[in-house]
């Protein structure tokens, strides 16, 4: 999962450098198009890249000694919040890949979305089980 989050961050950084939206074939966004939005495309992508780095750090914390010192409840809350974000993004890939909602994802992106959700659920489950044993 950490490698997936780092890949996500690298992809978002590449899109930020090009001031592009992160959809497949996303076009460059002009200043006129981003008028009235809170963030322009580049700033939004840099924020997404930072969230990918943070996600990788949290996932690594679930399997390292320093991360195991984080209170279990706090880590489980973080993982739950991350599951909502990961599930939302992957869910869009799945629905668009298999049904088509106009974003541009293909069927293999839908399969990847299913794999990502499964891997993240396993990350959270593994952390919960291993820390329960350590506490009990």
Protein backbone atom coordinates (compact mmCIF):
# COMPACT_ATOMS: atom_id res chain seq x y z
CA UNK A 1 0.00 0.00 0.00
CA UNK A 2 2.86 2.39 0.75
CA UNK A 3 4.18 1.87 -2.79
CA UNK A 4 0.71 2.54 -4.21
CA UNK A 5 0.43 5.75 -2.18
CA UNK A 6 3.89 6.85 -3.34
CA UNK A 7 2.92 6.10 -6.95
CA UNK A 8 -0.23 8.14 -6.47
CA UNK A 9 1.84 11.03 -5.07
CA UNK A 10 4.29 10.87 -7.98
CA UNK A 11 1.44 10.85 -10.50
CA UNK A 12 -0.23 13.83 -8.85
CA UNK A 13 3.09 15.71 -8.78
CA UNK A 14 3.52 15.06 -12.51
CA UNK A 15 0.00 16.39 -13.16
CA UNK A 16 0.72 19.41 -10.94
CA UNK A 17 3.82 20.28 -12.97
CA UNK A 18 1.65 20.23 -16.09
CA UNK A 19 -1.31 22.02 -14.41
CA UNK A 20 -3.55 19.12 -15.50
CA UNK A 21 -6.49 17.45 -13.91
CA UNK A 22 -5.80 13.92 -12.75
CA UNK A 23 -8.25 12.10 -14.96
CA UNK A 24 -7.13 9.91 -17.85
CA UNK A 25 -6.14 12.32 -20.61
CA UNK A 26 -7.02 15.25 -18.37
CA UNK A 27 -6.51 18.52 -20.22
CA UNK A 28 -4.43 21.44 -19.02
CA UNK A 29 -6.64 23.84 -17.08
CA UNK A 30 -6.47 27.51 -18.02
CA UNK A 31 -6.65 30.30 -15.46
CA UNK A 32 -10.06 31.30 -16.86
CA UNK A 33 -11.41 27.78 -16.29
CA UNK A 34 -10.21 27.68 -12.69
CA UNK A 35 -11.66 31.13 -11.92
CA UNK A 36 -13.84 30.97 -8.84
CA UNK A 37 -12.40 27.70 -7.54
CA UNK A 38 -10.67 27.49 -4.19
CA UNK A 39 -7.51 25.99 -5.73
CA UNK A 40 -6.16 26.00 -9.24
CA UNK A 41 -5.38 22.63 -10.86
CA UNK A 42 -1.67 22.68 -9.97
CA UNK A 43 -2.27 23.58 -6.32
CA UNK A 44 -4.97 20.91 -6.03
CA UNK A 45 -2.63 18.31 -7.51
CA UNK A 46 0.22 19.33 -5.17
CA UNK A 47 -2.20 18.92 -2.25
CA UNK A 48 -3.15 15.48 -3.54
CA UNK A 49 0.55 14.58 -3.87
CA UNK A 50 1.06 15.57 -0.24
CA UNK A 51 -1.89 13.41 0.79
CA UNK A 52 -0.28 10.47 -1.04
CA UNK A 53 2.96 10.97 0.91
CA UNK A 54 1.01 11.21 4.16
CA UNK A 55 -0.90 8.04 3.27
CA UNK A 56 2.37 6.18 2.64
CA UNK A 57 3.68 7.33 6.03
CA UNK A 58 0.54 6.17 7.84
CA UNK A 59 0.64 2.78 6.13
CA UNK A 60 4.32 2.37 7.02
CA UNK A 61 3.49 3.32 10.59
CA UNK A 62 1.16 0.32 10.81
CA UNK A 63 4.11 -2.06 10.39
CA UNK A 64 7.00 -0.27 12.12
CA UNK A 65 7.94 -0.06 15.78
CA UNK A 66 7.65 3.77 15.97
CA UNK A 67 4.23 3.59 14.37
CA UNK A 68 3.11 0.96 16.83
CA UNK A 69 3.60 3.54 19.60
CA UNK A 70 0.75 5.60 18.14
CA UNK A 71 -2.38 4.95 20.21
CA UNK A 72 -4.34 2.11 18.60
CA UNK A 73 -7.63 4.03 18.61
CA UNK A 74 -6.06 7.00 16.84
CA UNK A 75 -4.46 4.78 14.21
CA UNK A 76 -7.72 2.93 13.61
CA UNK A 77 -9.51 6.28 13.20
CA UNK A 78 -6.85 7.39 10.70
CA UNK A 79 -7.18 4.13 8.79
CA UNK A 80 -10.97 4.46 8.79
CA UNK A 81 -10.75 7.97 7.34
CA UNK A 82 -8.24 6.82 4.78
CA UNK A 83 -10.53 3.94 3.83
CA UNK A 84 -13.26 6.45 3.00
CA UNK A 85 -10.90 8.42 0.77
CA UNK A 86 -9.31 5.38 -0.87
CA UNK A 87 -12.69 3.71 -1.26
CA UNK A 88 -14.18 6.82 -2.82
CA UNK A 89 -11.43 7.21 -5.40
CA UNK A 90 -11.26 3.51 -6.15
CA UNK A 91 -15.06 3.34 -6.26
CA UNK A 92 -15.12 5.96 -9.01
CA UNK A 93 -12.54 3.96 -10.93
CA UNK A 94 -14.60 0.79 -10.50
CA UNK A 95 -17.92 2.30 -11.54
CA UNK A 96 -16.48 4.21 -14.48
CA UNK A 97 -14.33 1.28 -15.55
CA UNK A 98 -17.20 -1.21 -15.61
CA UNK A 99 -20.27 0.96 -16.19
CA UNK A 100 -18.94 4.21 -17.61
CA UNK A 101 -19.81 7.57 -16.08
CA UNK A 102 -17.71 9.66 -18.42
CA UNK A 103 -14.47 10.08 -16.48
CA UNK A 104 -12.43 7.92 -18.84
CA UNK A 105 -11.36 4.94 -16.74
CA UNK A 106 -11.24 1.59 -18.53
CA UNK A 107 -12.18 -1.90 -17.25
CA UNK A 108 -8.63 -2.60 -16.07
CA UNK A 109 -8.76 0.54 -13.93
CA UNK A 110 -11.89 -0.93 -12.36
CA UNK A 111 -9.99 -4.12 -11.57
CA UNK A 112 -7.17 -2.02 -10.08
CA UNK A 113 -9.73 -0.19 -7.94
CA UNK A 114 -10.99 -3.50 -6.56
CA UNK A 115 -7.41 -4.59 -5.80
CA UNK A 116 -6.63 -1.29 -4.05
CA UNK A 117 -9.71 -1.53 -1.84
CA UNK A 118 -8.82 -5.13 -0.99
CA UNK A 119 -5.22 -4.23 -0.14
CA UNK A 120 -6.26 -1.33 2.03
CA UNK A 121 -8.84 -3.42 3.88
CA UNK A 122 -6.14 -6.02 4.51
CA UNK A 123 -3.76 -3.31 5.76
CA UNK A 124 -6.35 -2.12 8.27
CA UNK A 125 -7.33 -5.67 9.27
CA UNK A 126 -3.71 -6.70 9.71
CA UNK A 127 -2.99 -3.69 11.92
CA UNK A 128 -6.11 -4.27 14.02
CA UNK A 129 -5.35 -7.97 14.54
CA UNK A 130 -1.64 -7.53 15.30
CA UNK A 131 -2.16 -4.71 17.77
CA UNK A 132 -5.01 -6.56 19.48
CA UNK A 133 -2.66 -9.48 20.13
CA UNK A 134 0.03 -7.15 21.47
CA UNK A 135 -2.44 -5.44 23.81
CA UNK A 136 -4.01 -8.66 25.04
